[in-house]
All heavy atoms as atom14 arrays in JSON, in Angstrom:
{
  "sequence": "AQVGKVMQALEEAGVRDNTIVILWGDHGWHLGEMGVWGKATNYEIATR",
  "atom14_mask": [
    [1, 1, 1, 1, 1, 0, 0, 0, 0, 0, 0, 0, 0, 0],
    [1, 1, 1, 1, 1, 1, 1, 1, 1, 0, 0, 0, 0, 0],
    [1, 1, 1, 1, 1, 1, 1, 0, 0, 0, 0, 0, 0, 0],
    [1, 1, 1, 1, 0, 0, 0, 0, 0, 0, 0, 0, 0, 0],
    [1, 1, 1, 1, 1, 1, 1, 1, 1, 0, 0, 0, 0, 0],
    [1, 1, 1, 1, 1, 1, 1, 0, 0, 0, 0, 0, 0, 0],
    [1, 1, 1, 1, 1, 1, 1, 1, 0, 0, 0, 0, 0, 0],
    [1, 1, 1, 1, 1, 1, 1, 1, 1, 0, 0, 0, 0, 0],
    [1, 1, 1, 1, 1, 0, 0, 0, 0, 0, 0, 0, 0, 0],
    [1, 1, 1, 1, 1, 1, 1, 1, 0, 0, 0, 0, 0, 0],
    [1, 1, 1, 1, 1, 1, 1, 1, 1, 0, 0, 0, 0, 0],
    [1, 1, 1, 1, 1, 1, 1, 1, 1, 0, 0, 0, 0, 0],
    [1, 1, 1, 1, 1, 0, 0, 0, 0, 0, 0, 0, 0, 0],
    [1, 1, 1, 1, 0, 0, 0, 0, 0, 0, 0, 0, 0, 0],
    [1, 1, 1, 1, 1, 1, 1, 0, 0, 0, 0, 0, 0, 0],
    [1, 1, 1, 1, 1, 1, 1, 1, 1, 1, 1, 0, 0, 0],
    [1, 1, 1, 1, 1, 1, 1, 1, 0, 0, 0, 0, 0, 0],
    [1, 1, 1, 1, 1, 1, 1, 1, 0, 0, 0, 0, 0, 0],
    [1, 1, 1, 1, 1, 1, 1, 0, 0, 0, 0, 0, 0, 0],
    [1, 1, 1, 1, 1, 1, 1, 1, 0, 0, 0, 0, 0, 0],
    [1, 1, 1, 1, 1, 1, 1, 0, 0, 0, 0, 0, 0, 0],
    [1, 1, 1, 1, 1, 1, 1, 1, 0, 0, 0, 0, 0, 0],
    [1, 1, 1, 1, 1, 1, 1, 1, 0, 0, 0, 0, 0, 0],
    [1, 1, 1, 1, 1, 1, 1, 1, 1, 1, 1, 1, 1, 1],
    [1, 1, 1, 1, 0, 0, 0, 0, 0, 0, 0, 0, 0, 0],
    [1, 1, 1, 1, 1, 1, 1, 1, 0, 0, 0, 0, 0, 0],
    [1, 1, 1, 1, 1, 1, 1, 1, 1, 1, 0, 0, 0, 0],
    [1, 1, 1, 1, 0, 0, 0, 0, 0, 0, 0, 0, 0, 0],
    [1, 1, 1, 1, 1, 1, 1, 1, 1, 1, 1, 1, 1, 1],
    [1, 1, 1, 1, 1, 1, 1, 1, 1, 1, 0, 0, 0, 0],
    [1, 1, 1, 1, 1, 1, 1, 1, 0, 0, 0, 0, 0, 0],
    [1, 1, 1, 1, 0, 0, 0, 0, 0, 0, 0, 0, 0, 0],
    [1, 1, 1, 1, 1, 1, 1, 1, 1, 0, 0, 0, 0, 0],
    [1, 1, 1, 1, 1, 1, 1, 1, 0, 0, 0, 0, 0, 0],
    [1, 1, 1, 1, 0, 0, 0, 0, 0, 0, 0, 0, 0, 0],
    [1, 1, 1, 1, 1, 1, 1, 0, 0, 0, 0, 0, 0, 0],
    [1, 1, 1, 1, 1, 1, 1, 1, 1, 1, 1, 1, 1, 1],
    [1, 1, 1, 1, 0, 0, 0, 0, 0, 0, 0, 0, 0, 0],
    [1, 1, 1, 1, 1, 1, 1, 1, 1, 0, 0, 0, 0, 0],
    [1, 1, 1, 1, 1, 0, 0, 0, 0, 0, 0, 0, 0, 0],
    [1, 1, 1, 1, 1, 1, 1, 0, 0, 0, 0, 0, 0, 0],
    [1, 1, 1, 1, 1, 1, 1, 1, 0, 0, 0, 0, 0, 0],
    [1, 1, 1, 1, 1, 1, 1, 1, 1, 1, 1, 1, 0, 0],
    [1, 1, 1, 1, 1, 1, 1, 1, 1, 0, 0, 0, 0, 0],
    [1, 1, 1, 1, 1, 1, 1, 1, 0, 0, 0, 0, 0, 0],
    [1, 1, 1, 1, 1, 0, 0, 0, 0, 0, 0, 0, 0, 0],
    [1, 1, 1, 1, 1, 1, 1, 0, 0, 0, 0, 0, 0, 0],
    [1, 1, 1, 1, 1, 1, 1, 1, 1, 1, 1, 0, 0, 0]
  ],
  "atom14_positions": [
    [[97.39, 122.51, 99.49], [96.35, 123.52, 99.96], [96.73, 124.13, 101.32], [96.41, 125.37, 101.46], [95.06, 122.69, 100.09], [0.0, 0.0, 0.0], [0.0, 0.0, 0.0], [0.0, 0.0, 0.0], [0.0, 0.0, 0.0], [0.0, 0.0, 0.0], [0.0, 0.0, 0.0], [0.0, 0.0, 0.0], [0.0, 0.0, 0.0], [0.0, 0.0, 0.0]],
    [[97.37, 123.5, 102.26], [97.84, 124.08, 103.52], [98.84, 125.07, 103.3], [98.71, 126.27, 103.86], [98.34, 123.0, 104.55], [97.39, 121.74, 104.55], [95.84, 121.95, 104.62], [95.59, 122.8, 105.45], [95.07, 121.5, 103.79], [0.0, 0.0, 0.0], [0.0, 0.0, 0.0], [0.0, 0.0, 0.0], [0.0, 0.0, 0.0], [0.0, 0.0, 0.0]],
    [[99.75, 124.9, 102.28], [100.71, 125.92, 101.94], [100.07, 127.09, 101.48], [100.44, 128.37, 101.94], [101.67, 125.39, 100.93], [102.55, 126.57, 100.22], [102.59, 124.27, 101.45], [0.0, 0.0, 0.0], [0.0, 0.0, 0.0], [0.0, 0.0, 0.0], [0.0, 0.0, 0.0], [0.0, 0.0, 0.0], [0.0, 0.0, 0.0], [0.0, 0.0, 0.0]],
    [[99.02, 127.02, 100.57], [98.42, 128.13, 100.14], [97.63, 128.96, 101.2], [97.67, 130.23, 101.09], [0.0, 0.0, 0.0], [0.0, 0.0, 0.0], [0.0, 0.0, 0.0], [0.0, 0.0, 0.0], [0.0, 0.0, 0.0], [0.0, 0.0, 0.0], [0.0, 0.0, 0.0], [0.0, 0.0, 0.0], [0.0, 0.0, 0.0], [0.0, 0.0, 0.0]],
    [[97.1, 128.23, 102.12], [96.46, 128.93, 103.23], [97.46, 129.9, 104.02], [97.11, 130.97, 104.48], [95.78, 128.0, 104.17], [94.54, 127.36, 103.52], [93.93, 126.26, 104.41], [92.84, 125.42, 103.85], [92.36, 124.37, 104.66], [0.0, 0.0, 0.0], [0.0, 0.0, 0.0], [0.0, 0.0, 0.0], [0.0, 0.0, 0.0], [0.0, 0.0, 0.0]],
    [[98.5, 129.36, 104.36], [99.61, 130.07, 105.14], [100.08, 131.22, 104.32], [100.36, 132.24, 104.86], [100.73, 129.18, 105.67], [101.71, 129.95, 106.29], [100.07, 128.1, 106.63], [0.0, 0.0, 0.0], [0.0, 0.0, 0.0], [0.0, 0.0, 0.0], [0.0, 0.0, 0.0], [0.0, 0.0, 0.0], [0.0, 0.0, 0.0], [0.0, 0.0, 0.0]],
    [[100.38, 131.04, 103.02], [100.81, 132.15, 102.11], [99.83, 133.21, 102.09], [100.2, 134.31, 102.08], [101.13, 131.46, 100.77], [102.23, 130.53, 100.73], [103.91, 131.33, 101.29], [104.12, 132.52, 99.98], [0.0, 0.0, 0.0], [0.0, 0.0, 0.0], [0.0, 0.0, 0.0], [0.0, 0.0, 0.0], [0.0, 0.0, 0.0], [0.0, 0.0, 0.0]],
    [[98.58, 132.9, 102.03], [97.48, 133.95, 101.94], [97.48, 134.63, 103.24], [97.29, 135.77, 103.22], [96.07, 133.28, 101.72], [94.91, 134.09, 101.65], [95.17, 135.04, 100.43], [95.65, 134.89, 99.34], [94.66, 136.23, 100.6], [0.0, 0.0, 0.0], [0.0, 0.0, 0.0], [0.0, 0.0, 0.0], [0.0, 0.0, 0.0], [0.0, 0.0, 0.0]],
    [[97.72, 134.03, 104.46], [97.69, 134.71, 105.66], [98.93, 135.67, 105.83], [98.81, 136.76, 106.22], [97.84, 133.66, 106.79], [0.0, 0.0, 0.0], [0.0, 0.0, 0.0], [0.0, 0.0, 0.0], [0.0, 0.0, 0.0], [0.0, 0.0, 0.0], [0.0, 0.0, 0.0], [0.0, 0.0, 0.0], [0.0, 0.0, 0.0], [0.0, 0.0, 0.0]],
    [[100.04, 135.41, 105.08], [101.13, 136.15, 105.06], [100.63, 137.47, 104.29], [101.14, 138.64, 104.75], [102.44, 135.65, 104.33], [103.36, 134.76, 105.17], [104.55, 134.29, 104.25], [103.73, 135.41, 106.49], [0.0, 0.0, 0.0], [0.0, 0.0, 0.0], [0.0, 0.0, 0.0], [0.0, 0.0, 0.0], [0.0, 0.0, 0.0], [0.0, 0.0, 0.0]],
    [[100.06, 137.15, 103.13], [99.61, 138.39, 102.37], [98.66, 139.26, 103.06], [98.79, 140.46, 103.18], [98.85, 137.91, 101.05], [99.86, 137.15, 100.13], [100.76, 138.05, 99.17], [100.61, 139.36, 99.32], [101.39, 137.52, 98.44], [0.0, 0.0, 0.0], [0.0, 0.0, 0.0], [0.0, 0.0, 0.0], [0.0, 0.0, 0.0], [0.0, 0.0, 0.0]],
    [[97.68, 138.67, 103.71], [96.64, 139.43, 104.39], [97.2, 140.17, 105.61], [96.7, 141.35, 106.04], [95.52, 138.51, 104.91], [94.73, 137.99, 103.8], [93.67, 136.91, 104.13], [93.6, 136.54, 105.4], [93.0, 136.44, 103.29], [0.0, 0.0, 0.0], [0.0, 0.0, 0.0], [0.0, 0.0, 0.0], [0.0, 0.0, 0.0], [0.0, 0.0, 0.0]],
    [[98.24, 139.6, 106.24], [98.85, 140.22, 107.31], [99.75, 141.47, 106.96], [100.35, 142.21, 107.78], [99.69, 139.39, 108.17], [0.0, 0.0, 0.0], [0.0, 0.0, 0.0], [0.0, 0.0, 0.0], [0.0, 0.0, 0.0], [0.0, 0.0, 0.0], [0.0, 0.0, 0.0], [0.0, 0.0, 0.0], [0.0, 0.0, 0.0], [0.0, 0.0, 0.0]],
    [[100.08, 141.55, 105.62], [100.94, 142.58, 105.15], [102.36, 142.38, 105.25], [103.21, 143.43, 105.18], [0.0, 0.0, 0.0], [0.0, 0.0, 0.0], [0.0, 0.0, 0.0], [0.0, 0.0, 0.0], [0.0, 0.0, 0.0], [0.0, 0.0, 0.0], [0.0, 0.0, 0.0], [0.0, 0.0, 0.0], [0.0, 0.0, 0.0], [0.0, 0.0, 0.0]],
    [[102.88, 141.13, 105.56], [104.23, 140.92, 105.74], [104.85, 140.09, 104.7], [106.05, 139.74, 104.87], [104.45, 140.27, 107.1], [104.02, 141.13, 108.24], [103.69, 138.94, 107.31], [0.0, 0.0, 0.0], [0.0, 0.0, 0.0], [0.0, 0.0, 0.0], [0.0, 0.0, 0.0], [0.0, 0.0, 0.0], [0.0, 0.0, 0.0], [0.0, 0.0, 0.0]],
    [[104.26, 139.64, 103.63], [104.76, 138.84, 102.6], [105.96, 139.48, 102.0], [107.04, 138.7, 101.61], [103.75, 138.56, 101.51], [104.19, 137.78, 100.33], [104.49, 136.39, 100.7], [104.96, 135.55, 99.58], [106.34, 135.44, 99.21], [107.24, 136.14, 99.98], [106.78, 134.73, 98.27], [0.0, 0.0, 0.0], [0.0, 0.0, 0.0], [0.0, 0.0, 0.0]],
    [[106.0, 140.73, 101.7], [107.14, 141.41, 101.05], [108.4, 141.42, 101.87], [109.48, 141.76, 101.31], [106.77, 142.86, 100.62], [105.63, 142.86, 99.53], [105.49, 141.83, 98.73], [105.02, 143.87, 99.26], [0.0, 0.0, 0.0], [0.0, 0.0, 0.0], [0.0, 0.0, 0.0], [0.0, 0.0, 0.0], [0.0, 0.0, 0.0], [0.0, 0.0, 0.0]],
    [[108.24, 141.23, 103.19], [109.42, 141.25, 104.04], [109.67, 139.83, 104.72], [110.19, 139.74, 105.63], [109.36, 142.31, 105.19], [110.61, 142.45, 105.85], [111.74, 142.61, 105.27], [110.65, 142.56, 107.15], [0.0, 0.0, 0.0], [0.0, 0.0, 0.0], [0.0, 0.0, 0.0], [0.0, 0.0, 0.0], [0.0, 0.0, 0.0], [0.0, 0.0, 0.0]],
    [[109.29, 138.78, 103.93], [109.35, 137.42, 104.46], [110.17, 136.51, 103.38], [109.82, 136.46, 102.26], [108.07, 136.75, 104.83], [107.3, 137.54, 105.73], [108.12, 135.48, 105.38], [0.0, 0.0, 0.0], [0.0, 0.0, 0.0], [0.0, 0.0, 0.0], [0.0, 0.0, 0.0], [0.0, 0.0, 0.0], [0.0, 0.0, 0.0], [0.0, 0.0, 0.0]],
    [[111.24, 135.81, 103.9], [111.86, 134.93, 103.26], [111.0, 133.62, 103.27], [110.86, 133.19, 104.49], [113.34, 134.56, 103.59], [114.22, 135.89, 103.37], [113.98, 133.43, 102.92], [115.49, 135.82, 104.25], [0.0, 0.0, 0.0], [0.0, 0.0, 0.0], [0.0, 0.0, 0.0], [0.0, 0.0, 0.0], [0.0, 0.0, 0.0], [0.0, 0.0, 0.0]],
    [[110.63, 132.85, 102.2], [109.86, 131.69, 102.36], [110.78, 130.76, 101.74], [111.13, 130.85, 100.55], [108.54, 131.82, 101.48], [107.73, 130.56, 101.57], [107.76, 132.93, 102.04], [0.0, 0.0, 0.0], [0.0, 0.0, 0.0], [0.0, 0.0, 0.0], [0.0, 0.0, 0.0], [0.0, 0.0, 0.0], [0.0, 0.0, 0.0], [0.0, 0.0, 0.0]],
    [[110.87, 129.65, 102.35], [111.75, 128.45, 101.84], [110.94, 127.21, 102.13], [110.48, 126.97, 103.23], [113.15, 128.3, 102.41], [113.81, 127.17, 101.76], [113.13, 128.16, 103.96], [115.46, 127.34, 101.87], [0.0, 0.0, 0.0], [0.0, 0.0, 0.0], [0.0, 0.0, 0.0], [0.0, 0.0, 0.0], [0.0, 0.0, 0.0], [0.0, 0.0, 0.0]],
    [[110.65, 126.54, 101.12], [109.88, 125.24, 101.12], [110.74, 123.96, 100.81], [111.51, 124.1, 99.77], [108.68, 125.24, 100.31], [107.7, 124.15, 100.08], [106.31, 124.65, 99.96], [108.17, 123.17, 99.0], [0.0, 0.0, 0.0], [0.0, 0.0, 0.0], [0.0, 0.0, 0.0], [0.0, 0.0, 0.0], [0.0, 0.0, 0.0], [0.0, 0.0, 0.0]],
    [[110.67, 122.86, 101.5], [111.57, 121.79, 101.09], [110.92, 120.47, 101.55], [110.09, 120.56, 102.46], [112.89, 121.97, 101.88], [112.74, 122.33, 103.33], [112.54, 123.43, 103.93], [112.75, 121.32, 104.43], [112.57, 123.44, 105.28], [112.69, 122.15, 105.71], [113.03, 120.02, 104.53], [112.66, 121.55, 106.94], [112.94, 119.41, 105.8], [112.87, 120.08, 106.99]],
    [[111.33, 119.41, 100.93], [111.04, 118.12, 101.34], [112.15, 117.43, 102.02], [113.39, 117.75, 101.74], [0.0, 0.0, 0.0], [0.0, 0.0, 0.0], [0.0, 0.0, 0.0], [0.0, 0.0, 0.0], [0.0, 0.0, 0.0], [0.0, 0.0, 0.0], [0.0, 0.0, 0.0], [0.0, 0.0, 0.0], [0.0, 0.0, 0.0], [0.0, 0.0, 0.0]],
    [[112.02, 116.59, 103.08], [113.06, 116.1, 103.76], [113.85, 114.96, 103.1], [115.03, 114.63, 103.45], [112.69, 115.62, 105.22], [111.57, 114.59, 105.28], [111.02, 114.29, 104.33], [111.35, 114.15, 106.41], [0.0, 0.0, 0.0], [0.0, 0.0, 0.0], [0.0, 0.0, 0.0], [0.0, 0.0, 0.0], [0.0, 0.0, 0.0], [0.0, 0.0, 0.0]],
    [[113.18, 114.28, 102.14], [113.75, 113.14, 101.35], [112.76, 112.86, 100.3], [111.58, 113.25, 100.45], [114.23, 112.0, 102.16], [113.11, 111.54, 103.15], [111.92, 110.96, 102.8], [113.19, 111.74, 104.57], [111.26, 110.7, 103.83], [111.98, 111.11, 104.97], [0.0, 0.0, 0.0], [0.0, 0.0, 0.0], [0.0, 0.0, 0.0], [0.0, 0.0, 0.0]],
    [[113.16, 112.11, 99.35], [112.33, 111.63, 98.26], [111.46, 110.36, 98.72], [111.59, 109.93, 99.91], [0.0, 0.0, 0.0], [0.0, 0.0, 0.0], [0.0, 0.0, 0.0], [0.0, 0.0, 0.0], [0.0, 0.0, 0.0], [0.0, 0.0, 0.0], [0.0, 0.0, 0.0], [0.0, 0.0, 0.0], [0.0, 0.0, 0.0], [0.0, 0.0, 0.0]],
    [[110.99, 109.56, 97.69], [110.05, 108.46, 98.09], [109.87, 107.59, 96.81], [109.52, 108.13, 95.8], [108.77, 108.98, 98.55], [108.25, 108.16, 99.77], [108.54, 108.3, 101.05], [107.24, 107.12, 99.66], [107.86, 107.5, 101.78], [107.1, 106.59, 100.98], [106.56, 106.47, 98.69], [106.1, 105.63, 101.27], [105.7, 105.42, 99.01], [105.46, 105.03, 100.25]],
    [[110.18, 106.38, 96.95], [109.92, 105.49, 95.78], [108.43, 105.09, 95.71], [107.79, 104.72, 96.67], [110.66, 104.09, 96.01], [112.18, 104.17, 95.92], [112.87, 103.68, 94.84], [113.07, 104.73, 96.72], [114.21, 103.8, 95.02], [114.36, 104.55, 96.17], [0.0, 0.0, 0.0], [0.0, 0.0, 0.0], [0.0, 0.0, 0.0], [0.0, 0.0, 0.0]],
    [[107.83, 105.33, 94.52], [106.5, 104.94, 94.3], [106.4, 103.78, 93.36], [105.9, 103.78, 92.27], [105.73, 106.13, 93.7], [105.34, 107.24, 94.72], [104.78, 108.38, 93.93], [104.29, 106.71, 95.75], [0.0, 0.0, 0.0], [0.0, 0.0, 0.0], [0.0, 0.0, 0.0], [0.0, 0.0, 0.0], [0.0, 0.0, 0.0], [0.0, 0.0, 0.0]],
    [[107.14, 102.68, 93.69], [107.28, 101.49, 92.86], [108.56, 101.55, 92.0], [108.91, 100.44, 91.34], [0.0, 0.0, 0.0], [0.0, 0.0, 0.0], [0.0, 0.0, 0.0], [0.0, 0.0, 0.0], [0.0, 0.0, 0.0], [0.0, 0.0, 0.0], [0.0, 0.0, 0.0], [0.0, 0.0, 0.0], [0.0, 0.0, 0.0], [0.0, 0.0, 0.0]],
    [[109.27, 102.56, 91.92], [110.51, 102.62, 91.14], [111.47, 101.55, 91.87], [111.65, 101.58, 93.02], [111.18, 103.97, 91.18], [110.39, 105.01, 90.34], [109.39, 105.67, 91.08], [109.14, 105.37, 92.38], [108.55, 106.67, 90.56], [0.0, 0.0, 0.0], [0.0, 0.0, 0.0], [0.0, 0.0, 0.0], [0.0, 0.0, 0.0], [0.0, 0.0, 0.0]],
    [[112.08, 100.75, 91.03], [113.2, 99.78, 91.41], [112.43, 98.68, 92.36], [113.07, 97.94, 92.99], [114.24, 100.33, 92.24], [115.21, 101.34, 91.41], [116.53, 101.83, 92.54], [117.32, 103.01, 91.33], [0.0, 0.0, 0.0], [0.0, 0.0, 0.0], [0.0, 0.0, 0.0], [0.0, 0.0, 0.0], [0.0, 0.0, 0.0], [0.0, 0.0, 0.0]],
    [[111.02, 98.74, 92.29], [110.31, 97.73, 92.88], [109.98, 98.09, 94.34], [109.46, 97.23, 95.19], [0.0, 0.0, 0.0], [0.0, 0.0, 0.0], [0.0, 0.0, 0.0], [0.0, 0.0, 0.0], [0.0, 0.0, 0.0], [0.0, 0.0, 0.0], [0.0, 0.0, 0.0], [0.0, 0.0, 0.0], [0.0, 0.0, 0.0], [0.0, 0.0, 0.0]],
    [[110.36, 99.25, 94.67], [110.3, 99.78, 96.1], [109.17, 100.72, 96.34], [108.92, 101.66, 95.57], [111.63, 100.35, 96.57], [111.57, 101.08, 97.83], [112.74, 99.25, 96.52], [0.0, 0.0, 0.0], [0.0, 0.0, 0.0], [0.0, 0.0, 0.0], [0.0, 0.0, 0.0], [0.0, 0.0, 0.0], [0.0, 0.0, 0.0], [0.0, 0.0, 0.0]],
    [[108.56, 100.62, 97.49], [107.66, 101.57, 98.0], [108.13, 102.15, 99.43], [108.06, 101.38, 100.31], [106.21, 100.97, 98.1], [105.6, 100.7, 96.86], [105.63, 99.42, 96.15], [104.7, 101.37, 96.13], [105.07, 99.53, 94.93], [104.37, 100.76, 94.93], [104.1, 102.66, 96.23], [103.53, 101.2, 93.9], [103.27, 103.1, 95.33], [102.92, 102.48, 94.16]],
    [[108.57, 103.31, 99.38], [109.07, 103.93, 100.49], [110.38, 104.73, 100.28], [110.66, 104.97, 99.17], [0.0, 0.0, 0.0], [0.0, 0.0, 0.0], [0.0, 0.0, 0.0], [0.0, 0.0, 0.0], [0.0, 0.0, 0.0], [0.0, 0.0, 0.0], [0.0, 0.0, 0.0], [0.0, 0.0, 0.0], [0.0, 0.0, 0.0], [0.0, 0.0, 0.0]],
    [[110.92, 105.34, 101.33], [112.2, 106.04, 101.3], [113.3, 105.11, 101.51], [113.31, 103.93, 101.02], [112.11, 107.18, 102.22], [111.59, 106.76, 103.73], [111.02, 107.86, 104.31], [110.47, 107.46, 105.79], [108.97, 107.61, 105.77], [0.0, 0.0, 0.0], [0.0, 0.0, 0.0], [0.0, 0.0, 0.0], [0.0, 0.0, 0.0], [0.0, 0.0, 0.0]],
    [[114.34, 105.6, 102.22], [115.39, 104.69, 102.8], [116.32, 104.0, 101.71], [116.61, 102.8, 101.96], [114.8, 103.73, 103.78], [0.0, 0.0, 0.0], [0.0, 0.0, 0.0], [0.0, 0.0, 0.0], [0.0, 0.0, 0.0], [0.0, 0.0, 0.0], [0.0, 0.0, 0.0], [0.0, 0.0, 0.0], [0.0, 0.0, 0.0], [0.0, 0.0, 0.0]],
    [[116.7, 104.65, 100.7], [117.72, 104.14, 99.94], [118.74, 105.18, 99.59], [118.53, 106.36, 99.92], [117.13, 103.52, 98.59], [116.9, 104.72, 97.67], [115.96, 102.73, 98.82], [0.0, 0.0, 0.0], [0.0, 0.0, 0.0], [0.0, 0.0, 0.0], [0.0, 0.0, 0.0], [0.0, 0.0, 0.0], [0.0, 0.0, 0.0], [0.0, 0.0, 0.0]],
    [[119.78, 104.83, 98.85], [120.84, 105.79, 98.41], [120.68, 106.22, 97.0], [121.6, 106.99, 96.56], [122.25, 105.17, 98.61], [122.63, 105.26, 100.0], [122.81, 106.32, 100.74], [122.99, 104.0, 100.55], [0.0, 0.0, 0.0], [0.0, 0.0, 0.0], [0.0, 0.0, 0.0], [0.0, 0.0, 0.0], [0.0, 0.0, 0.0], [0.0, 0.0, 0.0]],
    [[119.61, 105.98, 96.37], [119.35, 106.28, 94.95], [118.69, 107.61, 94.78], [118.28, 108.25, 95.76], [118.55, 105.07, 94.21], [119.25, 103.81, 94.4], [118.87, 102.77, 95.17], [120.55, 103.46, 93.7], [119.5, 101.48, 95.3], [121.15, 102.43, 93.85], [120.71, 101.27, 94.66], [121.34, 100.18, 94.78], [0.0, 0.0, 0.0], [0.0, 0.0, 0.0]],
    [[118.66, 108.01, 93.54], [118.19, 109.42, 93.09], [116.82, 109.55, 93.63], [116.58, 110.63, 94.06], [118.3, 109.43, 91.69], [117.91, 110.89, 91.06], [118.92, 111.89, 91.08], [120.12, 111.56, 91.59], [118.76, 113.03, 90.6], [0.0, 0.0, 0.0], [0.0, 0.0, 0.0], [0.0, 0.0, 0.0], [0.0, 0.0, 0.0], [0.0, 0.0, 0.0]],
    [[115.9, 108.65, 93.48], [114.53, 108.79, 93.75], [114.31, 109.14, 95.18], [113.29, 109.69, 95.61], [113.85, 107.52, 93.23], [112.23, 107.93, 93.09], [113.89, 106.31, 94.17], [112.04, 108.85, 91.67], [0.0, 0.0, 0.0], [0.0, 0.0, 0.0], [0.0, 0.0, 0.0], [0.0, 0.0, 0.0], [0.0, 0.0, 0.0], [0.0, 0.0, 0.0]],
    [[115.16, 108.56, 96.12], [115.08, 108.75, 97.56], [115.86, 109.95, 97.91], [115.49, 110.46, 99.05], [115.42, 107.54, 98.32], [0.0, 0.0, 0.0], [0.0, 0.0, 0.0], [0.0, 0.0, 0.0], [0.0, 0.0, 0.0], [0.0, 0.0, 0.0], [0.0, 0.0, 0.0], [0.0, 0.0, 0.0], [0.0, 0.0, 0.0], [0.0, 0.0, 0.0]],
    [[116.82, 110.47, 97.34], [117.63, 111.44, 97.94], [117.4, 112.89, 97.39], [117.8, 113.9, 97.89], [119.17, 111.23, 97.82], [119.46, 110.85, 96.29], [119.57, 109.82, 98.6], [0.0, 0.0, 0.0], [0.0, 0.0, 0.0], [0.0, 0.0, 0.0], [0.0, 0.0, 0.0], [0.0, 0.0, 0.0], [0.0, 0.0, 0.0], [0.0, 0.0, 0.0]],
    [[116.78, 112.95, 96.08], [116.46, 114.14, 95.45], [115.08, 114.72, 96.04], [114.14, 113.89, 96.15], [116.35, 114.04, 93.87], [115.96, 115.24, 93.19], [116.21, 115.1, 91.73], [115.67, 116.31, 91.0], [114.58, 116.3, 90.36], [113.75, 115.27, 90.21], [114.01, 117.38, 89.7], [0.0, 0.0, 0.0], [0.0, 0.0, 0.0], [0.0, 0.0, 0.0]]
  ]
}
């Protein structure tokens, strides 16, 4: 929802068409996979 508000502000300001937008996550997170809750591993679920 916060992403949506900022994107809408870009549109309303008339600068969306001249703005590069890049969105990223800093790392993944285990939600019980491999019995782990959290980040901090070398596996796919934490690094992708």
